Amino acid sequence: MKGKKNKITWATYALQEENLMLKEQIEVSIMEKNSFKNGFRIRHERLADYDNKNQELQHLKHLASQYQE
């Protein structure tokens, strides 16, 4: 009977350890996901800013060509 109880105790311990390891992996994955999301947000903002500045530049080039005529 004692051997069975030790096996159950060991199995419970092993499952708890595996559960803890999986929780830690999930936490790391969530942190990485948030980092990627932040990176994509920044990239999107910079790209939008670049597009706006490029449109403004094209508009100014157009105005400059009109004044030269």
Foldseek 3Di string as FASTA:
>chain_A
DVVVVVVVVVVVVVVVVVVVVVVVVVVVVVVVVVVVVVVVVVVVVVVVVVVVVVVVVVVVVVVVVVVVD
